[in-house]
Amino acid sequence: MAVNIVDRQRAEALIQEQLINTIQQEAPANSAFMSMARKLPNMSSKTTRMPVLDMLPTAYWVNGDTGMKLTSKQEWDNVYLTAAELAVIVPIPEAVVDDASFDIIGEILPRINEAIGERVDSAVIFGNGRPAEWDLDIVTRARVAGNNVAPGSSPDYYNLLLGEGGVISKVEEMGTMVTGAIAAMGMRAKLRGIKTTDGLPIFKSDMQGSTNYTLDGAPIQFPQNGSFDSSIAQLIVGDFSKAVYAIRQDITVKILDQGVIQDPTTKEIVYNLAQQDMIAIRVVFRMGWALPNPVTRMNGDRTGVPFAFLEPATAQTTKKLTLTVTDTPTGDASSGTAIEGATVLIDGAKKLTNSSGKVEVNLPAGTYKVSVKADGYKSTTDEVTISTAAVTKTIQLAAK
């Protein structure tokens, strides 16, 4: 006999589902660089000039009672912070906002802030997505200075990090102390396995409580905002107080309900906010950063940098750039005379030419601005592009 019953399937439309009033998600992760570097007062214009000590005076012994006292000099240079803009627009139909059981805008904004932190770290530390107006990133600056350490086929991480020729010693040779480190999450297991000659772990935390990880007394951060590029470095150490940043415009949020949104490539209108009953969250952030790198007694020519990094097992692909600086040929000469000691700036990274007038650096693919100056010559600026092969270029300076 058939039994009539109002079961769950028939009454499904009337059964109310419980909705947990929290969304399961990780807390937004902020910028590791901005938490470790030194913050300057907010910028009052797009470009801020920072005077930096470039040459130290020298003292001389005087020979005898009537010896001649020698003269010396001190020089300053300018380092510039240029504000670059980060922005994003998130369009949302008004009906979706009205019908949602959660504060959609309140959920989106923290994730936008996290995305800004990820972009800042990626550009400043690794050069990924670096704005054209910014100088070289920290890792490339360290590479140009020779502060990259290769792990080899059988890495001894104790010596690679703490030993002579390791990443920490590279920074100390520049006359600065390591104040912090940034590493990939995968580096934690390698660090936990490092032991002293007595078999004691050097990288440890209190098993009964929360303890910050440190390396030779310097705190280590493991960025969780997705910015750390393990294909470029395993670990980066340095004196982060020497890196500075300034904000031109704090993170500003506008809720727009008028206007159109265009495809950035085709310029076609994708959304018409008023016509399609939509709103758009527009977030804008502007900041600049610099590595002033003032001269010290241990870094007298400012070619060293207070950062070093441990390369991955397979190093980042780079190509050699060879620059030769000469004077302008005169008479029947087909080439100029090499200029020794000329200052070469490659997107802010400083090198000095050798006795052959040459500078050699290894750089990843990209386009770089090269500025050259030497006493008695007019300064010049050029551009080089590195792609799949080594690049050789001669730069001639005209006499003043």
Protein backbone atom coordinates (compact mmCIF):
# COMPACT_ATOMS: atom_id res chain seq x y z
CA MET A 1 0.00 0.00 0.00
CA ALA A 2 1.29 3.42 -0.93
CA VAL A 3 2.17 5.66 1.99
CA ASN A 4 2.05 9.39 1.47
CA ILE A 5 4.72 11.31 3.32
CA VAL A 6 6.18 14.76 3.20
CA ASP A 7 9.86 13.84 3.05
CA ARG A 8 12.95 16.09 2.94
CA GLN A 9 13.01 16.17 -0.85
CA ARG A 10 9.45 17.49 -1.08
CA ALA A 11 10.00 20.08 1.64
CA GLU A 12 13.48 21.14 0.57
CA ALA A 13 12.34 24.63 -0.43
CA LEU A 14 11.08 25.25 3.10
CA ILE A 15 14.08 23.99 5.01
CA GLN A 16 16.38 26.77 6.10
CA GLU A 17 20.08 26.10 5.87
CA GLN A 18 22.36 27.28 8.64
CA LEU A 19 24.94 29.83 7.46
CA ILE A 20 28.09 30.23 9.52
CA ASN A 21 28.72 33.96 9.83
CA THR A 22 32.45 33.71 9.21
CA ILE A 23 34.28 32.90 6.00
CA GLN A 24 36.99 30.24 6.28
CA GLN A 25 40.16 31.92 5.05
CA GLU A 26 43.69 32.83 6.02
CA ALA A 27 44.43 36.25 7.45
CA PRO A 28 45.78 38.67 4.81
CA ALA A 29 49.59 38.81 4.73
CA ASN A 30 51.27 42.22 4.49
CA SER A 31 54.53 43.38 2.88
CA ALA A 32 57.67 41.84 4.38
CA PHE A 33 59.86 44.59 2.92
CA MET A 34 57.81 47.44 4.36
CA SER A 35 57.84 45.81 7.79
CA MET A 36 61.66 45.58 7.81
CA ALA A 37 62.88 48.63 5.86
CA ARG A 38 63.09 52.18 7.24
CA LYS A 39 60.08 54.39 6.55
CA LEU A 40 60.74 58.02 5.63
CA PRO A 41 58.25 60.89 5.92
CA ASN A 42 55.57 60.86 3.25
CA MET A 43 56.61 62.23 -0.14
CA SER A 44 55.28 65.68 -1.05
CA SER A 45 55.91 65.20 -4.78
CA LYS A 46 56.39 62.37 -7.26
CA THR A 47 60.19 62.52 -6.86
CA THR A 48 62.10 63.05 -3.62
CA ARG A 49 65.82 63.85 -3.58
CA MET A 50 68.00 62.40 -0.84
CA PRO A 51 71.60 63.66 -0.41
CA VAL A 52 73.98 60.75 0.24
CA LEU A 53 77.60 60.84 1.38
CA ASP A 54 79.70 59.79 -1.64
CA MET A 55 83.33 60.41 -0.60
CA LEU A 56 85.05 60.60 2.77
CA PRO A 57 87.95 62.94 3.63
CA THR A 58 91.40 61.43 4.18
CA ALA A 59 93.94 62.39 6.85
CA TYR A 60 97.71 62.34 6.18
CA TRP A 61 100.79 62.17 8.38
CA VAL A 62 103.00 65.25 8.25
CA ASN A 63 106.70 64.57 7.76
CA GLY A 64 108.92 66.57 10.11
CA ASP A 65 108.44 69.97 11.67
CA THR A 66 108.13 71.78 8.35
CA GLY A 67 106.29 69.11 6.35
CA MET A 68 103.48 70.21 4.05
CA LYS A 69 99.95 69.43 5.10
CA LEU A 70 97.95 67.78 2.32
CA THR A 71 94.39 68.62 1.38
CA SER A 72 91.41 66.29 1.13
CA LYS A 73 87.80 66.53 0.06
CA GLN A 74 84.37 65.20 0.86
CA GLU A 75 81.59 64.71 -1.68
CA TRP A 76 77.86 64.08 -1.71
CA ASP A 77 75.64 62.49 -4.30
CA ASN A 78 71.89 62.45 -4.85
CA VAL A 79 69.63 59.41 -4.60
CA TYR A 80 66.05 59.77 -5.78
CA LEU A 81 62.86 58.14 -4.61
CA THR A 82 60.29 58.07 -7.39
CA ALA A 83 56.69 57.24 -6.57
CA ALA A 84 55.11 54.44 -8.59
CA GLU A 85 51.40 53.71 -8.54
CA LEU A 86 49.61 50.49 -7.70
CA ALA A 87 45.90 50.40 -8.47
CA VAL A 88 43.04 47.98 -8.98
CA ILE A 89 39.33 48.25 -9.83
CA VAL A 90 36.87 45.57 -8.70
CA PRO A 91 33.41 45.82 -10.36
CA ILE A 92 30.41 44.28 -8.55
CA PRO A 93 26.72 44.24 -9.55
CA GLU A 94 24.64 46.13 -7.00
CA ALA A 95 22.18 43.25 -6.81
CA VAL A 96 25.00 40.94 -5.68
CA VAL A 97 25.98 43.37 -2.93
CA ASP A 98 22.36 43.70 -1.78
CA ASP A 99 21.64 39.96 -1.76
CA ALA A 100 24.91 38.75 -0.21
CA SER A 101 24.84 37.41 3.32
CA PHE A 102 28.26 38.94 3.98
CA ASP A 103 29.80 42.37 3.70
CA ILE A 104 31.36 41.81 0.28
CA ILE A 105 33.25 45.10 0.26
CA GLY A 106 34.58 44.43 3.75
CA GLU A 107 35.83 41.04 2.58
CA ILE A 108 37.45 42.36 -0.59
CA LEU A 109 39.43 45.29 0.85
CA PRO A 110 41.79 43.25 3.09
CA ARG A 111 42.62 41.03 0.11
CA ILE A 112 43.40 44.08 -2.00
CA ASN A 113 45.76 45.28 0.74
CA GLU A 114 47.42 41.86 0.69
CA ALA A 115 47.78 42.05 -3.09
CA ILE A 116 49.48 45.44 -2.73
CA GLY A 117 51.96 43.97 -0.23
CA GLU A 118 52.69 41.10 -2.60
CA ARG A 119 53.35 43.47 -5.50
CA VAL A 120 55.64 45.68 -3.41
CA ASP A 121 57.72 42.73 -2.19
CA SER A 122 57.90 41.15 -5.65
CA ALA A 123 59.14 44.38 -7.26
CA VAL A 124 61.50 45.63 -4.53
CA ILE A 125 63.07 42.31 -3.54
CA PHE A 126 63.02 40.29 -6.77
CA GLY A 127 62.36 42.80 -9.56
CA ASN A 128 59.21 40.99 -10.70
CA GLY A 129 56.90 43.59 -12.23
CA ARG A 130 59.34 46.36 -11.27
CA PRO A 131 58.09 49.80 -12.40
CA ALA A 132 60.32 51.39 -15.04
CA GLU A 133 60.97 54.42 -12.81
CA TRP A 134 62.43 52.30 -9.98
CA ASP A 135 66.06 51.27 -9.54
CA LEU A 136 67.20 47.66 -9.56
CA ASP A 137 65.71 45.30 -7.00
CA ILE A 138 67.58 44.12 -3.92
CA VAL A 139 68.54 40.70 -5.28
CA THR A 140 69.92 42.09 -8.56
CA ARG A 141 71.81 44.83 -6.69
CA ALA A 142 73.39 42.10 -4.55
CA ARG A 143 74.25 40.10 -7.67
CA VAL A 144 75.93 43.10 -9.32
CA ALA A 145 77.99 43.58 -6.14
CA GLY A 146 79.06 39.92 -6.16
CA ASN A 147 77.03 39.07 -3.07
CA ASN A 148 75.37 35.95 -4.47
CA VAL A 149 76.33 32.56 -3.00
CA ALA A 150 75.83 29.35 -4.99
CA PRO A 151 74.86 26.25 -2.96
CA GLY A 152 76.82 23.76 -5.08
CA SER A 153 75.95 20.11 -5.64
CA SER A 154 76.34 19.07 -1.96
CA PRO A 155 75.34 22.16 0.01
CA ASP A 156 76.67 22.71 3.52
CA TYR A 157 74.09 25.20 4.71
CA TYR A 158 75.98 25.99 7.89
CA ASN A 159 78.91 27.42 5.94
CA LEU A 160 76.74 28.82 3.16
CA LEU A 161 74.94 30.95 5.73
CA LEU A 162 77.34 31.48 8.64
CA GLY A 163 80.79 30.54 7.39
CA GLU A 164 83.49 32.50 5.63
CA GLY A 165 82.25 33.44 2.17
CA GLY A 166 78.64 32.77 3.24
CA VAL A 167 75.78 35.20 2.82
CA ILE A 168 76.17 36.82 6.24
CA SER A 169 79.90 37.38 5.77
CA LYS A 170 79.23 39.00 2.38
CA VAL A 171 77.19 41.69 4.15
CA GLU A 172 79.72 42.08 6.94
CA GLU A 173 82.51 42.64 4.40
CA MET A 174 80.63 45.76 3.31
CA GLY A 175 80.94 47.16 6.84
CA THR A 176 77.36 46.50 7.94
CA MET A 177 75.62 43.98 10.15
CA VAL A 178 72.73 41.76 9.14
CA THR A 179 69.51 42.99 10.75
CA GLY A 180 67.09 40.59 9.12
CA ALA A 181 66.51 37.79 6.67
CA ILE A 182 63.75 36.73 4.29
CA ALA A 183 63.43 33.12 3.16
CA ALA A 184 61.10 30.83 1.26
CA MET A 185 58.86 28.57 3.32
CA GLY A 186 60.74 25.58 1.90
CA MET A 187 63.91 26.88 3.54
CA ARG A 188 62.57 26.18 7.02
CA ALA A 189 63.19 22.44 6.77
CA LYS A 190 66.74 23.02 5.51
CA LEU A 191 67.45 25.43 8.35
CA ARG A 192 66.09 23.05 10.98
CA GLY A 193 68.56 20.44 9.77
CA ILE A 194 71.63 22.67 10.26
CA LYS A 195 73.75 21.71 13.26
CA THR A 196 76.93 23.02 14.80
CA THR A 197 80.07 20.94 14.99
CA ASP A 198 78.79 19.75 18.39
CA GLY A 199 75.56 18.51 16.80
CA LEU A 200 73.35 21.25 18.22
CA PRO A 201 70.71 22.86 15.99
CA ILE A 202 71.35 26.52 15.27
CA PHE A 203 67.86 27.22 14.00
CA LYS A 204 65.28 26.42 16.64
CA SER A 205 62.18 27.60 18.43
CA ASP A 206 60.79 26.99 21.89
CA MET A 207 58.64 23.83 21.70
CA GLN A 208 56.48 25.13 24.56
CA GLY A 209 55.68 28.54 23.15
CA SER A 210 55.78 30.88 20.22
CA THR A 211 59.28 32.07 19.42
CA ASN A 212 60.47 34.14 16.47
CA TYR A 213 62.99 32.38 14.26
CA THR A 214 66.41 34.02 14.11
CA LEU A 215 69.65 33.41 12.24
CA ASP A 216 72.82 34.57 13.99
CA GLY A 217 70.60 36.83 16.08
CA ALA A 218 68.79 38.37 13.10
CA PRO A 219 65.03 37.73 12.74
CA ILE A 220 63.86 35.72 9.73
CA GLN A 221 60.61 36.30 7.92
CA PHE A 222 58.91 33.75 5.70
CA PRO A 223 56.55 35.79 3.52
CA GLN A 224 53.14 34.19 3.06
CA ASN A 225 51.74 36.76 0.64
CA GLY A 226 52.95 34.83 -2.41
CA SER A 227 55.80 37.22 -3.21
CA PHE A 228 58.85 35.05 -2.50
CA ASP A 229 60.32 33.78 -5.78
CA SER A 230 62.19 30.56 -5.04
CA SER A 231 63.49 30.44 -8.61
CA ILE A 232 65.61 33.53 -7.86
CA ALA A 233 66.74 33.01 -4.26
CA GLN A 234 66.40 30.66 -1.32
CA LEU A 235 67.24 33.20 1.36
CA ILE A 236 68.13 36.90 1.48
CA VAL A 237 69.99 38.59 4.33
CA GLY A 238 70.96 42.20 4.82
CA ASP A 239 70.89 45.39 6.80
CA PHE A 240 67.29 46.36 6.09
CA SER A 241 67.72 49.66 7.92
CA LYS A 242 69.77 50.79 4.90
CA ALA A 243 66.76 50.36 2.59
CA VAL A 244 64.19 53.15 2.77
CA TYR A 245 60.73 53.78 1.42
CA ALA A 246 58.27 56.64 1.46
CA ILE A 247 54.59 56.83 0.68
CA ARG A 248 53.30 59.41 -1.73
CA GLN A 249 49.67 58.39 -1.32
CA ASP A 250 48.28 56.10 1.33
CA ILE A 251 45.91 53.36 0.23
CA THR A 252 42.78 55.21 -0.84
CA VAL A 253 39.46 53.57 -1.61
CA LYS A 254 36.67 55.00 -3.73
CA ILE A 255 33.29 53.41 -4.41
CA LEU A 256 32.22 54.40 -7.92
CA ASP A 257 28.70 54.09 -9.34
CA GLN A 258 29.19 56.18 -12.48
CA GLY A 259 31.55 55.72 -15.41
CA VAL A 260 32.72 52.94 -17.69
CA ILE A 261 35.43 50.30 -17.41
CA GLN A 262 37.51 49.60 -20.52
CA ASP A 263 39.60 46.64 -21.57
CA PRO A 264 43.21 47.92 -21.17
CA THR A 265 44.28 46.24 -24.41
CA THR A 266 41.40 46.72 -26.84
CA LYS A 267 39.98 49.85 -25.18
CA GLU A 268 36.49 48.38 -25.58
CA ILE A 269 33.95 49.22 -22.91
CA VAL A 270 33.48 46.17 -20.69
CA TYR A 271 31.13 47.61 -18.08
CA ASN A 272 28.94 50.69 -17.91
CA LEU A 273 28.32 51.12 -14.20
CA ALA A 274 25.21 53.29 -14.41
CA GLN A 275 23.61 51.37 -17.26
CA GLN A 276 24.28 47.96 -15.71
CA ASP A 277 23.50 48.91 -12.07
CA MET A 278 27.02 48.17 -10.84
CA ILE A 279 29.50 49.66 -8.43
CA ALA A 280 33.28 49.50 -8.63
CA ILE A 281 35.83 49.53 -5.83
CA ARG A 282 38.88 51.55 -6.91
CA VAL A 283 42.00 51.28 -4.76
CA VAL A 284 45.14 53.37 -5.36
CA PHE A 285 48.52 53.29 -3.58
CA ARG A 286 51.70 55.21 -4.46
CA MET A 287 55.15 54.73 -2.97
CA GLY A 288 58.85 54.93 -3.76
CA TRP A 289 61.89 53.17 -2.35
CA ALA A 290 65.68 53.45 -2.55
CA LEU A 291 68.92 51.90 -1.36
CA PRO A 292 70.98 55.05 -0.60
CA ASN A 293 74.11 53.03 0.21
CA PRO A 294 76.23 55.88 1.65
CA VAL A 295 80.00 55.57 1.60
CA THR A 296 81.69 54.03 4.64
CA ARG A 297 85.32 53.37 5.55
CA MET A 298 84.80 49.73 4.54
CA ASN A 299 82.82 50.54 1.40
CA GLY A 300 84.75 53.54 0.18
CA ASP A 301 83.59 53.48 -3.44
CA ARG A 302 79.93 52.58 -2.73
CA THR A 303 80.07 49.57 -5.05
CA GLY A 304 79.20 47.18 -2.22
CA VAL A 305 75.63 46.72 -1.01
CA PRO A 306 74.37 45.64 2.42
CA PHE A 307 72.49 42.60 1.08
CA ALA A 308 73.40 39.07 -0.02
CA PHE A 309 71.42 36.05 -1.10
CA LEU A 310 71.66 32.28 -1.42
CA GLU A 311 70.90 31.11 -4.93
CA PRO A 312 68.58 28.16 -5.63
CA ALA A 313 70.01 24.84 -6.80
CA THR A 314 69.37 25.97 -10.37
CA ALA A 315 70.43 29.60 -10.52
CA GLN A 316 68.38 32.27 -12.23
CA THR A 317 69.26 32.68 -15.90
CA THR A 318 71.45 35.73 -16.48
CA LYS A 319 73.59 37.05 -19.32
CA LYS A 320 76.87 38.95 -19.14
CA LEU A 321 76.82 42.66 -19.89
CA THR A 322 80.23 44.11 -20.77
CA LEU A 323 80.52 47.90 -20.95
CA THR A 324 83.67 49.66 -22.13
CA VAL A 325 84.04 53.37 -21.38
CA THR A 326 86.41 55.41 -23.55
CA ASP A 327 86.97 59.01 -24.48
CA THR A 328 85.97 60.35 -27.90
CA PRO A 329 88.43 59.33 -30.67
CA THR A 330 90.57 62.15 -32.00
CA GLY A 331 92.46 62.52 -35.26
CA ASP A 332 92.80 59.30 -37.21
CA ALA A 333 92.13 57.08 -34.20
CA SER A 334 89.39 54.49 -34.79
CA SER A 335 88.60 54.11 -31.09
CA GLY A 336 88.97 56.13 -27.94
CA THR A 337 91.27 55.61 -24.97
CA ALA A 338 89.92 53.54 -22.08
CA ILE A 339 88.87 55.53 -19.01
CA GLU A 340 89.75 53.91 -15.71
CA GLY A 341 87.68 54.65 -12.61
CA ALA A 342 84.60 55.92 -14.47
CA THR A 343 81.38 55.56 -12.49
CA VAL A 344 78.79 53.36 -14.18
CA LEU A 345 75.26 53.26 -12.79
CA ILE A 346 73.05 50.44 -14.06
CA ASP A 347 69.57 51.38 -12.86
CA GLY A 348 71.14 52.61 -9.63
CA ALA A 349 73.71 49.82 -9.14
CA LYS A 350 77.20 51.33 -9.05
CA LYS A 351 80.34 49.90 -10.66
CA LEU A 352 83.74 51.39 -11.48
CA THR A 353 85.61 50.70 -14.70
CA ASN A 354 88.93 48.82 -14.48
CA SER A 355 92.23 49.72 -16.15
CA SER A 356 90.78 48.58 -19.49
CA GLY A 357 87.77 50.82 -19.04
CA LYS A 358 85.51 47.79 -18.62
CA VAL A 359 82.65 46.82 -16.33
CA GLU A 360 81.23 43.29 -16.39
CA VAL A 361 77.99 42.26 -14.68
CA ASN A 362 75.50 39.41 -14.99
CA LEU A 363 71.89 40.50 -15.34
CA PRO A 364 68.54 38.83 -16.02
CA ALA A 365 66.71 39.65 -19.23
CA GLY A 366 65.39 43.20 -19.37
CA THR A 367 66.06 46.77 -20.42
CA TYR A 368 68.39 48.83 -18.24
CA LYS A 369 69.32 52.50 -18.07
CA VAL A 370 73.08 53.07 -17.95
CA SER A 371 74.53 56.36 -16.68
CA VAL A 372 78.27 57.02 -16.96
CA LYS A 373 80.38 59.83 -15.53
CA ALA A 374 84.08 60.51 -15.02
CA ASP A 375 86.15 63.48 -13.88
CA GLY A 376 86.93 65.78 -16.78
CA TYR A 377 84.21 64.35 -19.02
CA LYS A 378 80.58 65.08 -19.76
CA SER A 379 78.14 62.59 -18.27
CA THR A 380 76.00 60.49 -20.57
CA THR A 381 73.03 58.14 -20.33
CA ASP A 382 72.34 55.15 -22.53
CA GLU A 383 70.12 52.08 -22.59
CA VAL A 384 70.91 48.39 -23.01
CA THR A 385 68.58 45.44 -23.55
CA ILE A 386 69.51 41.92 -22.49
CA SER A 387 67.58 38.95 -23.84
CA THR A 388 69.09 35.59 -24.81
CA ALA A 389 72.76 36.42 -25.38
CA ALA A 390 75.63 38.32 -23.81
CA VAL A 391 75.78 42.02 -24.64
CA THR A 392 78.88 44.12 -25.31
CA LYS A 393 78.69 47.88 -25.64
CA THR A 394 81.14 50.79 -25.85
CA ILE A 395 80.20 54.13 -24.34
CA GLN A 396 82.19 57.21 -25.30
CA LEU A 397 82.52 60.29 -23.11
CA ALA A 398 83.25 63.72 -24.52
CA ALA A 399 85.75 65.93 -22.72
CA LYS A 400 84.39 68.98 -20.92
